Amino acid sequence: MIKPETARVVREERGAGASLAGGIAVAVGVLLLWLLLAGSLQSGSIAIGLVLAAAAGAWVRLADL
């Protein structure tokens, strides 16, 4: 098990940039997969895809902090 002070040091060394880049990459991936699965480029399906992508990206961003 990782000690809390070790986890804090690793988090500080890695920085917030890694979690931001990961969140953006996940959001773009989720949006692309949603649009491929939806099959139509109507405004409603794009809006739902944007909401899902933003939620997944924010979740990854916060989980990686």
C-alpha atoms as a PDB file:
ATOM      1  CA  MET A   1       0.000   0.000   0.000  1.00  0.00           C
ATOM      2  CA  ILE A   2       1.280   3.481  -0.853  1.00  0.00           C
ATOM      3  CA  LYS A   3       1.834   5.768   2.105  1.00  0.00           C
ATOM      4  CA  PRO A   4      -0.106   9.058   1.943  1.00  0.00           C
ATOM      5  CA  GLU A   5       3.052  11.166   1.977  1.00  0.00           C
ATOM      6  CA  THR A   6       4.485   9.144  -0.935  1.00  0.00           C
ATOM      7  CA  ALA A   7       1.298   9.611  -2.945  1.00  0.00           C
ATOM      8  CA  ARG A   8       1.431  13.360  -2.309  1.00  0.00           C
ATOM      9  CA  VAL A   9       5.019  13.566  -3.585  1.00  0.00           C
ATOM     10  CA  VAL A  10       4.196  11.582  -6.717  1.00  0.00           C
ATOM     11  CA  ARG A  11       1.169  13.812  -7.353  1.00  0.00           C
ATOM     12  CA  GLU A  12       3.245  16.979  -6.970  1.00  0.00           C
ATOM     13  CA  GLU A  13       5.988  15.690  -9.279  1.00  0.00           C
ATOM     14  CA  ARG A  14       3.536  14.705 -11.987  1.00  0.00           C
ATOM     15  CA  GLY A  15       1.730  18.033 -11.845  1.00  0.00           C
ATOM     16  CA  ALA A  16      -1.718  19.093 -12.924  1.00  0.00           C
ATOM     17  CA  GLY A  17      -0.797  19.187 -16.625  1.00  0.00           C
ATOM     18  CA  ALA A  18      -0.928  15.419 -16.945  1.00  0.00           C
ATOM     19  CA  SER A  19      -4.459  15.188 -15.575  1.00  0.00           C
ATOM     20  CA  LEU A  20      -5.606  18.051 -17.802  1.00  0.00           C
ATOM     21  CA  ALA A  21      -4.162  16.400 -20.908  1.00  0.00           C
ATOM     22  CA  GLY A  22      -5.718  13.077 -19.921  1.00  0.00           C
ATOM     23  CA  GLY A  23      -9.108  14.677 -19.365  1.00  0.00           C
ATOM     24  CA  ILE A  24      -9.017  16.391 -22.734  1.00  0.00           C
ATOM     25  CA  ALA A  25      -7.930  13.198 -24.499  1.00  0.00           C
ATOM     26  CA  VAL A  26     -10.724  11.200 -22.872  1.00  0.00           C
ATOM     27  CA  ALA A  27     -13.289  13.893 -23.714  1.00  0.00           C
ATOM     28  CA  VAL A  28     -12.266  13.924 -27.383  1.00  0.00           C
ATOM     29  CA  GLY A  29     -12.331  10.118 -27.498  1.00  0.00           C
ATOM     30  CA  VAL A  30     -15.767   9.929 -25.898  1.00  0.00           C
ATOM     31  CA  LEU A  31     -17.140  12.531 -28.314  1.00  0.00           C
ATOM     32  CA  LEU A  32     -15.767  10.698 -31.348  1.00  0.00           C
ATOM     33  CA  LEU A  33     -17.098   7.344 -30.157  1.00  0.00           C
ATOM     34  CA  TRP A  34     -20.498   8.869 -29.400  1.00  0.00           C
ATOM     35  CA  LEU A  35     -20.736  10.422 -32.860  1.00  0.00           C
ATOM     36  CA  LEU A  36     -19.731   7.140 -34.487  1.00  0.00           C
ATOM     37  CA  LEU A  37     -22.267   5.179 -32.467  1.00  0.00           C
ATOM     38  CA  ALA A  38     -25.057   7.740 -32.897  1.00  0.00           C
ATOM     39  CA  GLY A  39     -24.664   7.589 -36.650  1.00  0.00           C
ATOM     40  CA  SER A  40     -26.312  10.930 -37.291  1.00  0.00           C
ATOM     41  CA  LEU A  41     -24.983  14.445 -37.023  1.00  0.00           C
ATOM     42  CA  GLN A  42     -28.155  16.073 -35.791  1.00  0.00           C
ATOM     43  CA  SER A  43     -27.851  18.870 -33.268  1.00  0.00           C
ATOM     44  CA  GLY A  44     -29.504  16.803 -30.524  1.00  0.00           C
ATOM     45  CA  SER A  45     -27.065  13.915 -30.770  1.00  0.00           C
ATOM     46  CA  ILE A  46     -24.100  16.298 -30.942  1.00  0.00           C
ATOM     47  CA  ALA A  47     -25.330  18.103 -27.821  1.00  0.00           C
ATOM     48  CA  ILE A  48     -25.716  14.827 -25.923  1.00  0.00           C
ATOM     49  CA  GLY A  49     -22.242  13.789 -27.067  1.00  0.00           C
ATOM     50  CA  LEU A  50     -20.749  17.080 -25.879  1.00  0.00           C
ATOM     51  CA  VAL A  51     -22.377  16.692 -22.464  1.00  0.00           C
ATOM     52  CA  LEU A  52     -21.144  13.107 -22.124  1.00  0.00           C
ATOM     53  CA  ALA A  53     -17.652  14.075 -23.286  1.00  0.00           C
ATOM     54  CA  ALA A  54     -17.461  16.987 -20.850  1.00  0.00           C
ATOM     55  CA  ALA A  55     -18.618  14.797 -17.977  1.00  0.00           C
ATOM     56  CA  ALA A  56     -16.127  12.029 -18.768  1.00  0.00           C
ATOM     57  CA  GLY A  57     -13.277  14.515 -19.231  1.00  0.00           C
ATOM     58  CA  ALA A  58     -14.062  16.281 -15.945  1.00  0.00           C
ATOM     59  CA  TRP A  59     -14.287  12.942 -14.151  1.00  0.00           C
ATOM     60  CA  VAL A  60     -10.868  11.840 -15.413  1.00  0.00           C
ATOM     61  CA  ARG A  61      -9.387  15.257 -14.637  1.00  0.00           C
ATOM     62  CA  LEU A  62     -10.625  15.186 -11.044  1.00  0.00           C
ATOM     63  CA  ALA A  63      -9.835  11.513 -10.498  1.00  0.00           C
ATOM     64  CA  ASP A  64      -6.226  12.060 -11.552  1.00  0.00           C
ATOM     65  CA  LEU A  65      -5.563  14.944  -9.145  1.00  0.00           C
END
